[in-house]
Amino acid sequence: MDMKVKSSIAVALLALLAGCAHHSPYDYMENWLVREDAVRDFSVHADVIYLQDRLYDDMSTLGLMFAHAQNEVGGDRFKGVARVFSPLVANSDDLERALDWYFRYHHKNGRPFLFIGEGRGGALLKAYEEDNADDLKDDGLLASFYTDETEGGFVTDRMVKVIHNSIMRKRYLDQWGREMPESMLKD
């Protein structure tokens, strides 16, 4: 085969492979209950990954899942504190794909993040954390909050303040190399 033919085949193969780029289902907004990637990185200094008790079974559960996620972590609850990412998951494989997507597109330069999980979703998130504990700590996992009970709502204003203070302590330590004075924290 002459060089011209080999070059043409190589170019055609590269073009074909470029067209086969892997897409994640989490590239699409409909696979998220909350996805605040429009919030600018510099306006908040951490992210929250949230999973609720309900796991995705079929379209009939979607409305309840969306309403619960909005009540727990949506709206202004984390405004000025953290961006929230709450993927729609049915199992641990879905969770792994969603977190791979998050780490690929939104987790940069050791950005702090936290896990919040309720019930069955919390069990998936906790298992993922246990399986990847060292890597997650190295990547900036600040804290985790889990519960089995979800009836009265798990995410409280007090929890948001604790998260805010954890983020501020981390930023202060990174910037100044010492612990933040308690008087600078929110009550």
N, C-alpha and C. Protein backbone atom coordinates (compact mmCIF):
# COMPACT_ATOMS: atom_id res chain seq x y z
N MET A 1 0.85 -1.17 0.00
CA MET A 1 0.00 0.00 0.00
C MET A 1 0.90 1.24 0.00
N ASP A 2 0.58 2.17 -0.87
CA ASP A 2 1.45 3.35 -0.92
C ASP A 2 1.10 4.33 0.20
N MET A 3 1.95 5.28 0.44
CA MET A 3 1.84 6.23 1.54
C MET A 3 0.57 7.08 1.45
N LYS A 4 0.16 7.42 0.24
CA LYS A 4 -1.02 8.25 0.04
C LYS A 4 -2.28 7.50 0.50
N VAL A 5 -2.39 6.25 0.20
CA VAL A 5 -3.54 5.44 0.60
C VAL A 5 -3.55 5.25 2.12
N LYS A 6 -2.37 4.98 2.70
CA LYS A 6 -2.28 4.82 4.16
C LYS A 6 -2.71 6.11 4.86
N SER A 7 -2.28 7.24 4.34
CA SER A 7 -2.65 8.54 4.94
C SER A 7 -4.15 8.76 4.86
N SER A 8 -4.74 8.42 3.72
CA SER A 8 -6.19 8.60 3.55
C SER A 8 -6.96 7.72 4.51
N ILE A 9 -6.51 6.47 4.70
CA ILE A 9 -7.16 5.55 5.63
C ILE A 9 -7.02 6.07 7.06
N ALA A 10 -5.84 6.55 7.41
CA ALA A 10 -5.61 7.07 8.76
C ALA A 10 -6.51 8.27 9.04
N VAL A 11 -6.64 9.18 8.08
CA VAL A 11 -7.50 10.35 8.24
C VAL A 11 -8.96 9.92 8.39
N ALA A 12 -9.39 8.96 7.58
CA ALA A 12 -10.77 8.47 7.66
C ALA A 12 -11.04 7.81 9.01
N LEU A 13 -10.10 7.02 9.52
CA LEU A 13 -10.27 6.38 10.82
C LEU A 13 -10.33 7.42 11.94
N LEU A 14 -9.47 8.41 11.89
CA LEU A 14 -9.49 9.47 12.91
C LEU A 14 -10.82 10.21 12.89
N ALA A 15 -11.33 10.52 11.72
CA ALA A 15 -12.61 11.20 11.60
C ALA A 15 -13.74 10.33 12.16
N LEU A 16 -13.69 9.04 11.87
CA LEU A 16 -14.70 8.11 12.37
C LEU A 16 -14.65 8.03 13.89
N LEU A 17 -13.45 7.90 14.45
CA LEU A 17 -13.30 7.81 15.90
C LEU A 17 -13.71 9.10 16.59
N ALA A 18 -13.43 10.23 15.99
CA ALA A 18 -13.82 11.52 16.58
C ALA A 18 -15.34 11.63 16.64
N GLY A 19 -16.04 11.06 15.70
CA GLY A 19 -17.50 11.08 15.69
C GLY A 19 -18.10 10.14 16.71
N CYS A 20 -17.31 9.23 17.27
CA CYS A 20 -17.80 8.24 18.23
C CYS A 20 -17.51 8.65 19.66
N ALA A 21 -17.38 9.94 19.90
CA ALA A 21 -17.07 10.41 21.25
C ALA A 21 -18.13 9.89 22.22
N HIS A 22 -17.67 9.45 23.37
CA HIS A 22 -18.55 8.91 24.41
C HIS A 22 -19.35 10.04 25.05
N HIS A 23 -20.67 9.87 25.11
CA HIS A 23 -21.52 10.83 25.79
C HIS A 23 -22.10 10.17 27.02
N SER A 24 -22.17 10.92 28.08
CA SER A 24 -22.76 10.44 29.32
C SER A 24 -24.23 10.83 29.34
N PRO A 25 -25.09 10.01 29.94
CA PRO A 25 -26.48 10.44 30.10
C PRO A 25 -26.57 11.70 30.96
N TYR A 26 -25.53 11.96 31.74
CA TYR A 26 -25.53 13.12 32.63
C TYR A 26 -25.09 14.40 31.93
N ASP A 27 -24.83 14.30 30.62
CA ASP A 27 -24.63 15.51 29.81
C ASP A 27 -25.96 16.25 29.67
N TYR A 28 -27.07 15.56 29.87
CA TYR A 28 -28.39 16.10 29.62
C TYR A 28 -29.09 16.49 30.92
N MET A 29 -29.66 17.68 30.93
CA MET A 29 -30.30 18.23 32.13
C MET A 29 -31.43 17.34 32.67
N GLU A 30 -32.10 16.61 31.80
CA GLU A 30 -33.22 15.80 32.28
C GLU A 30 -32.79 14.65 33.18
N ASN A 31 -31.51 14.39 33.28
CA ASN A 31 -31.01 13.34 34.16
C ASN A 31 -30.50 13.89 35.48
N TRP A 32 -30.91 15.10 35.79
CA TRP A 32 -30.56 15.75 37.06
C TRP A 32 -31.83 16.29 37.70
N LEU A 33 -31.94 16.14 39.00
CA LEU A 33 -33.03 16.76 39.74
C LEU A 33 -32.66 18.21 40.05
N VAL A 34 -31.41 18.43 40.37
CA VAL A 34 -30.85 19.77 40.54
C VAL A 34 -29.46 19.74 39.93
N ARG A 35 -29.16 20.69 39.06
CA ARG A 35 -27.82 20.80 38.48
C ARG A 35 -27.51 22.28 38.32
N GLU A 36 -26.74 22.79 39.24
CA GLU A 36 -26.46 24.23 39.28
C GLU A 36 -25.13 24.58 38.63
N ASP A 37 -24.88 24.03 37.46
CA ASP A 37 -23.62 24.35 36.79
C ASP A 37 -23.62 25.74 36.19
N ALA A 38 -24.78 26.40 36.15
CA ALA A 38 -24.82 27.78 35.67
C ALA A 38 -24.32 28.76 36.74
N VAL A 39 -24.29 28.32 38.00
CA VAL A 39 -23.75 29.15 39.07
C VAL A 39 -22.24 29.23 38.86
N ARG A 40 -21.71 30.43 38.84
CA ARG A 40 -20.29 30.62 38.56
C ARG A 40 -19.41 30.06 39.67
N ASP A 41 -18.30 29.43 39.28
CA ASP A 41 -17.35 28.84 40.24
C ASP A 41 -16.92 29.83 41.31
N PHE A 42 -16.67 31.06 40.91
CA PHE A 42 -16.09 32.03 41.83
C PHE A 42 -17.12 32.61 42.81
N SER A 43 -18.42 32.43 42.55
CA SER A 43 -19.43 33.00 43.44
C SER A 43 -19.69 32.13 44.66
N VAL A 44 -19.38 30.86 44.57
CA VAL A 44 -19.41 29.94 45.71
C VAL A 44 -18.17 29.07 45.60
N HIS A 45 -17.72 28.56 46.71
CA HIS A 45 -16.41 27.91 46.71
C HIS A 45 -16.46 26.42 47.03
N ALA A 46 -17.63 25.81 46.86
CA ALA A 46 -17.75 24.37 47.09
C ALA A 46 -19.00 23.86 46.36
N ASP A 47 -19.12 22.55 46.32
CA ASP A 47 -20.27 21.90 45.69
C ASP A 47 -20.88 20.89 46.67
N VAL A 48 -22.16 20.65 46.51
CA VAL A 48 -22.88 19.64 47.28
C VAL A 48 -23.41 18.61 46.29
N ILE A 49 -23.11 17.35 46.57
CA ILE A 49 -23.68 16.24 45.82
C ILE A 49 -24.77 15.66 46.71
N TYR A 50 -26.01 15.65 46.22
CA TYR A 50 -27.15 15.25 47.04
C TYR A 50 -27.90 14.08 46.40
N LEU A 51 -28.17 13.06 47.21
CA LEU A 51 -29.04 11.95 46.79
C LEU A 51 -30.12 11.76 47.83
N GLN A 52 -31.34 11.63 47.36
CA GLN A 52 -32.47 11.44 48.26
C GLN A 52 -32.81 9.97 48.42
N ASP A 53 -33.82 9.73 49.26
CA ASP A 53 -34.24 8.36 49.56
C ASP A 53 -34.80 7.65 48.34
N ARG A 54 -35.56 8.36 47.52
CA ARG A 54 -36.15 7.72 46.34
C ARG A 54 -35.08 7.51 45.27
N LEU A 55 -35.09 6.35 44.68
CA LEU A 55 -34.25 6.09 43.51
C LEU A 55 -35.18 6.04 42.30
N TYR A 56 -34.65 6.32 41.15
CA TYR A 56 -35.46 6.37 39.94
C TYR A 56 -35.92 4.97 39.56
N ASP A 57 -37.23 4.78 39.52
CA ASP A 57 -37.81 3.51 39.09
C ASP A 57 -38.40 3.64 37.69
N ASP A 58 -39.25 4.64 37.53
CA ASP A 58 -39.88 4.90 36.24
C ASP A 58 -40.41 6.33 36.27
N MET A 59 -41.03 6.75 35.20
CA MET A 59 -41.48 8.13 35.07
C MET A 59 -42.49 8.53 36.15
N SER A 60 -43.19 7.57 36.72
CA SER A 60 -44.20 7.90 37.74
C SER A 60 -43.56 8.43 39.02
N THR A 61 -42.31 8.11 39.29
CA THR A 61 -41.64 8.59 40.51
C THR A 61 -40.94 9.93 40.30
N LEU A 62 -40.80 10.35 39.07
CA LEU A 62 -40.01 11.54 38.76
C LEU A 62 -40.55 12.82 39.41
N GLY A 63 -41.85 13.03 39.38
CA GLY A 63 -42.44 14.23 39.98
C GLY A 63 -42.16 14.34 41.46
N LEU A 64 -42.34 13.23 42.17
CA LEU A 64 -42.07 13.22 43.61
C LEU A 64 -40.59 13.45 43.90
N MET A 65 -39.74 12.85 43.10
CA MET A 65 -38.30 13.01 43.30
C MET A 65 -37.89 14.47 43.08
N PHE A 66 -38.41 15.07 42.02
CA PHE A 66 -38.08 16.46 41.72
C PHE A 66 -38.56 17.37 42.84
N ALA A 67 -39.80 17.20 43.29
CA ALA A 67 -40.35 18.04 44.36
C ALA A 67 -39.54 17.90 45.64
N HIS A 68 -39.15 16.67 45.99
CA HIS A 68 -38.38 16.45 47.20
C HIS A 68 -37.00 17.10 47.10
N ALA A 69 -36.34 16.94 45.97
CA ALA A 69 -35.00 17.54 45.79
C ALA A 69 -35.09 19.06 45.87
N GLN A 70 -36.11 19.64 45.25
CA GLN A 70 -36.27 21.10 45.31
C GLN A 70 -36.51 21.56 46.73
N ASN A 71 -37.31 20.81 47.49
CA ASN A 71 -37.59 21.16 48.88
C ASN A 71 -36.34 21.05 49.75
N GLU A 72 -35.54 20.03 49.53
CA GLU A 72 -34.37 19.80 50.38
C GLU A 72 -33.17 20.68 50.01
N VAL A 73 -32.84 20.76 48.72
CA VAL A 73 -31.59 21.44 48.35
C VAL A 73 -31.75 22.47 47.23
N GLY A 74 -32.96 22.63 46.72
CA GLY A 74 -33.16 23.53 45.59
C GLY A 74 -33.40 24.97 46.01
N GLY A 75 -33.72 25.78 45.02
CA GLY A 75 -34.03 27.19 45.28
C GLY A 75 -32.85 27.93 45.87
N ASP A 76 -33.13 28.70 46.92
CA ASP A 76 -32.09 29.53 47.53
C ASP A 76 -31.42 28.87 48.73
N ARG A 77 -31.73 27.62 49.00
CA ARG A 77 -31.21 27.00 50.22
C ARG A 77 -29.69 27.10 50.33
N PHE A 78 -28.95 26.87 49.25
CA PHE A 78 -27.49 26.91 49.30
C PHE A 78 -26.91 28.15 48.59
N LYS A 79 -27.78 29.12 48.30
CA LYS A 79 -27.32 30.32 47.60
C LYS A 79 -26.19 31.00 48.39
N GLY A 80 -25.11 31.28 47.70
CA GLY A 80 -23.95 31.91 48.33
C GLY A 80 -23.10 30.94 49.14
N VAL A 81 -23.51 29.68 49.21
CA VAL A 81 -22.78 28.68 50.00
C VAL A 81 -22.13 27.64 49.09
N ALA A 82 -22.93 27.02 48.22
CA ALA A 82 -22.42 25.93 47.38
C ALA A 82 -23.33 25.75 46.17
N ARG A 83 -22.75 25.17 45.11
CA ARG A 83 -23.57 24.72 43.98
C ARG A 83 -24.07 23.32 44.33
N VAL A 84 -25.26 22.99 43.86
CA VAL A 84 -25.85 21.69 44.18
C VAL A 84 -25.97 20.86 42.91
N PHE A 85 -25.60 19.58 43.04
CA PHE A 85 -25.74 18.61 41.96
C PHE A 85 -26.47 17.40 42.53
N SER A 86 -27.67 17.14 42.02
CA SER A 86 -28.47 16.02 42.48
C SER A 86 -28.87 15.18 41.27
N PRO A 87 -28.10 14.11 41.00
CA PRO A 87 -28.38 13.29 39.82
C PRO A 87 -29.58 12.37 40.02
N LEU A 88 -30.20 12.05 38.93
CA LEU A 88 -31.28 11.07 38.90
C LEU A 88 -30.61 9.70 38.75
N VAL A 89 -30.68 8.87 39.79
CA VAL A 89 -30.01 7.58 39.75
C VAL A 89 -30.96 6.45 40.14
N ALA A 90 -30.71 5.29 39.56
CA ALA A 90 -31.49 4.10 39.90
C ALA A 90 -30.64 3.08 40.65
N ASN A 91 -29.30 3.18 40.50
CA ASN A 91 -28.41 2.19 41.10
C ASN A 91 -27.00 2.74 41.22
N SER A 92 -26.08 1.93 41.71
CA SER A 92 -24.71 2.39 41.93
C SER A 92 -23.98 2.69 40.62
N ASP A 93 -24.32 1.98 39.54
CA ASP A 93 -23.69 2.28 38.25
C ASP A 93 -24.06 3.68 37.78
N ASP A 94 -25.34 4.04 37.94
CA ASP A 94 -25.77 5.39 37.58
C ASP A 94 -25.04 6.43 38.42
N LEU A 95 -24.92 6.17 39.72
CA LEU A 95 -24.23 7.10 40.60
C LEU A 95 -22.79 7.29 40.16
N GLU A 96 -22.12 6.21 39.83
CA GLU A 96 -20.73 6.30 39.39
C GLU A 96 -20.62 7.12 38.10
N ARG A 97 -21.54 6.92 37.16
CA ARG A 97 -21.52 7.71 35.92
C ARG A 97 -21.77 9.19 36.21
N ALA A 98 -22.71 9.48 37.11
CA ALA A 98 -23.01 10.87 37.45
C ALA A 98 -21.81 11.54 38.13
N LEU A 99 -21.17 10.84 39.04
CA LEU A 99 -20.01 11.42 39.72
C LEU A 99 -18.82 11.55 38.77
N ASP A 100 -18.65 10.60 37.86
CA ASP A 100 -17.60 10.75 36.84
C ASP A 100 -17.85 12.01 36.02
N TRP A 101 -19.11 12.25 35.64
CA TRP A 101 -19.45 13.46 34.90
C TRP A 101 -19.12 14.70 35.72
N TYR A 102 -19.53 14.70 37.00
CA TYR A 102 -19.26 15.85 37.87
C TYR A 102 -17.75 16.11 37.98
N PHE A 103 -16.99 15.07 38.25
CA PHE A 103 -15.53 15.25 38.40
C PHE A 103 -14.88 15.71 37.10
N ARG A 104 -15.38 15.26 35.97
CA ARG A 104 -14.82 15.65 34.68
C ARG A 104 -15.11 17.12 34.35
N TYR A 105 -16.31 17.60 34.63
CA TYR A 105 -16.71 18.92 34.17
C TYR A 105 -16.75 20.01 35.24
N HIS A 106 -16.86 19.65 36.50
CA HIS A 106 -17.05 20.70 37.51
C HIS A 106 -16.09 20.66 38.68
N HIS A 107 -15.35 19.63 38.81
CA HIS A 107 -14.44 19.53 39.95
C HIS A 107 -13.03 19.85 39.46
N LYS A 108 -12.60 21.06 39.75
CA LYS A 108 -11.29 21.49 39.27
C LYS A 108 -10.45 22.00 40.43
N ASN A 109 -9.17 21.74 40.37
CA ASN A 109 -8.20 22.28 41.32
C ASN A 109 -8.54 22.01 42.78
N GLY A 110 -8.98 20.81 43.08
CA GLY A 110 -9.26 20.45 44.46
C GLY A 110 -10.45 21.16 45.06
N ARG A 111 -11.38 21.60 44.24
CA ARG A 111 -12.57 22.31 44.72
C ARG A 111 -13.25 21.48 45.80
N PRO A 112 -13.50 22.06 46.98
CA PRO A 112 -14.17 21.30 48.04
C PRO A 112 -15.58 20.88 47.63
N PHE A 113 -15.99 19.72 48.08
CA PHE A 113 -17.34 19.24 47.84
C PHE A 113 -17.79 18.43 49.04
N LEU A 114 -19.10 18.28 49.17
CA LEU A 114 -19.71 17.56 50.28
C LEU A 114 -20.74 16.59 49.74
N PHE A 115 -20.96 15.51 50.48
CA PHE A 115 -21.99 14.55 50.14
C PHE A 115 -23.13 14.68 51.15
N ILE A 116 -24.36 14.71 50.65
CA ILE A 116 -25.54 14.64 51.49
C ILE A 116 -26.41 13.53 50.92
N GLY A 117 -26.76 12.57 51.76
CA GLY A 117 -27.55 11.44 51.28
C GLY A 117 -28.61 11.02 52.27
N GLU A 118 -29.78 10.71 51.74
CA GLU A 118 -30.90 10.25 52.55
C GLU A 118 -31.30 8.84 52.15
N GLY A 119 -31.61 8.02 53.11
CA GLY A 119 -32.18 6.70 52.86
C GLY A 119 -31.41 5.88 51.84
N ARG A 120 -32.13 5.35 50.85
CA ARG A 120 -31.51 4.47 49.85
C ARG A 120 -30.45 5.20 49.03
N GLY A 121 -30.72 6.46 48.66
CA GLY A 121 -29.73 7.25 47.93
C GLY A 121 -28.50 7.48 48.79
N GLY A 122 -28.72 7.76 50.06
CA GLY A 122 -27.60 7.95 50.98
C GLY A 122 -26.77 6.69 51.13
N ALA A 123 -27.43 5.53 51.13
CA ALA A 123 -26.69 4.26 51.23
C ALA A 123 -25.79 4.07 50.01
N LEU A 124 -26.30 4.42 48.82
CA LEU A 124 -25.46 4.33 47.60
C LEU A 124 -24.27 5.28 47.69
N LEU A 125 -24.53 6.51 48.11
CA LEU A 125 -23.49 7.52 48.20
C LEU A 125 -22.45 7.14 49.25
N LYS A 126 -22.91 6.64 50.38
CA LYS A 126 -22.01 6.22 51.45
C LYS A 126 -21.13 5.05 51.00
N ALA A 127 -21.72 4.08 50.30
CA ALA A 127 -20.93 2.95 49.78
C ALA A 127 -19.88 3.44 48.79
N TYR A 128 -20.26 4.38 47.93
CA TYR A 128 -19.30 4.95 46.98
C TYR A 128 -18.17 5.64 47.74
N GLU A 129 -18.53 6.39 48.78
CA GLU A 129 -17.51 7.08 49.58
C GLU A 129 -16.57 6.08 50.25
N GLU A 130 -17.11 5.02 50.81
CA GLU A 130 -16.29 4.01 51.48
C GLU A 130 -15.34 3.32 50.49
N ASP A 131 -15.83 3.04 49.29
CA ASP A 131 -15.01 2.39 48.27
C ASP A 131 -13.91 3.29 47.72
N ASN A 132 -14.11 4.61 47.81
CA ASN A 132 -13.17 5.56 47.20
C ASN A 132 -12.65 6.58 48.21
N ALA A 133 -12.61 6.22 49.48
CA ALA A 133 -12.33 7.16 50.57
C ALA A 133 -11.04 7.96 50.37
N ASP A 134 -9.95 7.29 50.08
CA ASP A 134 -8.67 7.99 49.95
C ASP A 134 -8.68 8.98 48.78
N ASP A 135 -9.17 8.54 47.64
CA ASP A 135 -9.22 9.42 46.47
C ASP A 135 -10.14 10.62 46.72
N LEU A 136 -11.27 10.38 47.36
CA LEU A 136 -12.22 11.47 47.60
C LEU A 136 -11.63 12.51 48.56
N LYS A 137 -10.94 12.07 49.60
CA LYS A 137 -10.29 13.01 50.52
C LYS A 137 -9.25 13.82 49.78
N ASP A 138 -8.44 13.15 48.95
CA ASP A 138 -7.41 13.86 48.17
C ASP A 138 -8.04 14.85 47.20
N ASP A 139 -9.24 14.52 46.68
CA ASP A 139 -9.92 15.38 45.71
C ASP A 139 -10.68 16.53 46.35
N GLY A 140 -10.80 16.55 47.69
CA GLY A 140 -11.43 17.68 48.35
C GLY A 140 -12.73 17.41 49.07
N LEU A 141 -13.06 16.13 49.34
CA LEU A 141 -14.28 15.85 50.10
C LEU A 141 -14.14 16.45 51.49
N LEU A 142 -15.00 17.38 51.81
CA LEU A 142 -14.93 18.11 53.07
C LEU A 142 -15.69 17.40 54.18
N ALA A 143 -16.90 16.93 53.87
CA ALA A 143 -17.74 16.30 54.88
C ALA A 143 -18.85 15.52 54.19
N SER A 144 -19.48 14.63 54.97
CA SER A 144 -20.61 13.84 54.48
C SER A 144 -21.70 13.86 55.53
N PHE A 145 -22.94 13.91 55.07
CA PHE A 145 -24.09 13.89 55.95
C PHE A 145 -25.03 12.81 55.42
N TYR A 146 -25.36 11.84 56.28
CA TYR A 146 -26.24 10.74 55.88
C TYR A 146 -27.31 10.51 56.94
N THR A 147 -28.47 10.04 56.49
CA THR A 147 -29.54 9.66 57.41
C THR A 147 -30.36 8.54 56.79
N ASP A 148 -30.99 7.76 57.65
CA ASP A 148 -31.94 6.74 57.19
C ASP A 148 -33.34 7.32 57.12
N GLU A 149 -33.65 8.26 58.01
CA GLU A 149 -34.97 8.86 58.12
C GLU A 149 -35.09 10.06 57.18
N THR A 150 -36.22 10.17 56.48
CA THR A 150 -36.38 11.31 55.59
C THR A 150 -37.73 12.00 55.73
N GLU A 151 -38.59 11.57 56.61
CA GLU A 151 -39.95 12.09 56.68
C GLU A 151 -40.03 13.59 56.91
N GLY A 152 -39.29 14.12 57.87
CA GLY A 152 -39.40 15.54 58.20
C GLY A 152 -38.47 16.43 57.43
N GLY A 153 -37.71 15.90 56.49
CA GLY A 153 -36.72 16.69 55.77
C GLY A 153 -35.40 16.63 56.50
N PHE A 154 -34.37 16.34 55.78
CA PHE A 154 -33.05 16.13 56.38
C PHE A 154 -32.19 17.39 56.34
N VAL A 155 -32.24 18.12 55.26
CA VAL A 155 -31.40 19.30 55.11
C VAL A 155 -32.06 20.46 55.83
N THR A 156 -31.40 20.94 56.87
CA THR A 156 -31.94 22.03 57.67
C THR A 156 -31.10 23.29 57.48
N ASP A 157 -31.64 24.41 57.92
CA ASP A 157 -30.87 25.65 57.88
C ASP A 157 -29.59 25.52 58.71
N ARG A 158 -29.69 24.81 59.82
CA ARG A 158 -28.51 24.59 60.67
C ARG A 158 -27.43 23.81 59.90
N MET A 159 -27.84 22.78 59.14
CA MET A 159 -26.88 22.02 58.35
C MET A 159 -26.21 22.92 57.32
N VAL A 160 -26.98 23.79 56.68
CA VAL A 160 -26.41 24.70 55.69
C VAL A 160 -25.37 25.61 56.33
N LYS A 161 -25.64 26.08 57.56
CA LYS A 161 -24.65 26.91 58.28
C LYS A 161 -23.39 26.12 58.60
N VAL A 162 -23.55 24.89 59.02
CA VAL A 162 -22.39 24.03 59.31
C VAL A 162 -21.56 23.84 58.03
N ILE A 163 -22.24 23.61 56.92
CA ILE A 163 -21.55 23.44 55.64
C ILE A 163 -20.84 24.73 55.26
N HIS A 164 -21.53 25.85 55.39
CA HIS A 164 -20.92 27.15 55.09
C HIS A 164 -19.65 27.35 55.92
N ASN A 165 -19.73 27.08 57.22
CA ASN A 165 -18.57 27.25 58.09
C ASN A 165 -17.43 26.31 57.72
N SER A 166 -17.75 25.08 57.33
CA SER A 166 -16.72 24.13 56.88
C SER A 166 -15.99 24.65 55.65
N ILE A 167 -16.76 25.21 54.73
CA ILE A 167 -16.17 25.76 53.51
C ILE A 167 -15.28 26.95 53.84
N MET A 168 -15.78 27.83 54.70
CA MET A 168 -15.00 29.02 55.08
C MET A 168 -13.71 28.63 55.81
N ARG A 169 -13.79 27.64 56.69
CA ARG A 169 -12.58 27.17 57.39
C ARG A 169 -11.55 26.65 56.38
N LYS A 170 -12.01 25.88 55.43
CA LYS A 170 -11.11 25.32 54.41
C LYS A 170 -10.47 26.43 53.59
N ARG A 171 -11.26 27.38 53.13
CA ARG A 171 -10.72 28.50 52.34
C ARG A 171 -9.69 29.30 53.15
N TYR A 172 -10.02 29.57 54.40
CA TYR A 172 -9.12 30.36 55.26
C TYR A 172 -7.80 29.62 55.46
N LEU A 173 -7.90 28.33 55.76
CA LEU A 173 -6.70 27.52 55.97
C LEU A 173 -5.85 27.49 54.70
N ASP A 174 -6.50 27.32 53.54
CA ASP A 174 -5.76 27.30 52.27
C ASP A 174 -5.08 28.64 52.00
N GLN A 175 -5.75 29.73 52.32
CA GLN A 175 -5.21 31.06 52.02
C GLN A 175 -4.18 31.54 53.03
N TRP A 176 -4.44 31.27 54.31
CA TRP A 176 -3.60 31.84 55.37
C TRP A 176 -2.71 30.83 56.07
N GLY A 177 -2.95 29.55 55.85
CA GLY A 177 -2.10 28.53 56.46
C GLY A 177 -2.33 28.35 57.94
N ARG A 178 -3.45 28.83 58.45
CA ARG A 178 -3.77 28.65 59.87
C ARG A 178 -5.29 28.54 60.02
N GLU A 179 -5.71 28.10 61.22
CA GLU A 179 -7.13 27.93 61.50
C GLU A 179 -7.85 29.28 61.53
N MET A 180 -9.07 29.28 61.10
CA MET A 180 -9.91 30.48 61.10
C MET A 180 -10.39 30.78 62.52
N PRO A 181 -10.33 32.02 62.98
CA PRO A 181 -10.87 32.35 64.30
C PRO A 181 -12.36 32.09 64.37
N GLU A 182 -12.82 31.51 65.46
CA GLU A 182 -14.23 31.17 65.63
C GLU A 182 -15.13 32.38 65.48
N SER A 183 -14.65 33.56 65.85
CA SER A 183 -15.47 34.77 65.78
C SER A 183 -15.86 35.15 64.34
N MET A 184 -15.16 34.57 63.36
CA MET A 184 -15.45 34.88 61.95
C MET A 184 -16.51 33.97 61.35
N LEU A 185 -16.93 32.96 62.10
CA LEU A 185 -17.89 31.99 61.58
C LEU A 185 -19.32 32.43 61.84
N LYS A 186 -20.26 31.93 61.02
CA LYS A 186 -21.68 32.21 61.22
C LYS A 186 -22.20 31.42 62.40
N ASP A 187 -23.12 32.03 63.15
CA ASP A 187 -23.75 31.33 64.29
C ASP A 187 -24.85 30.44 63.81
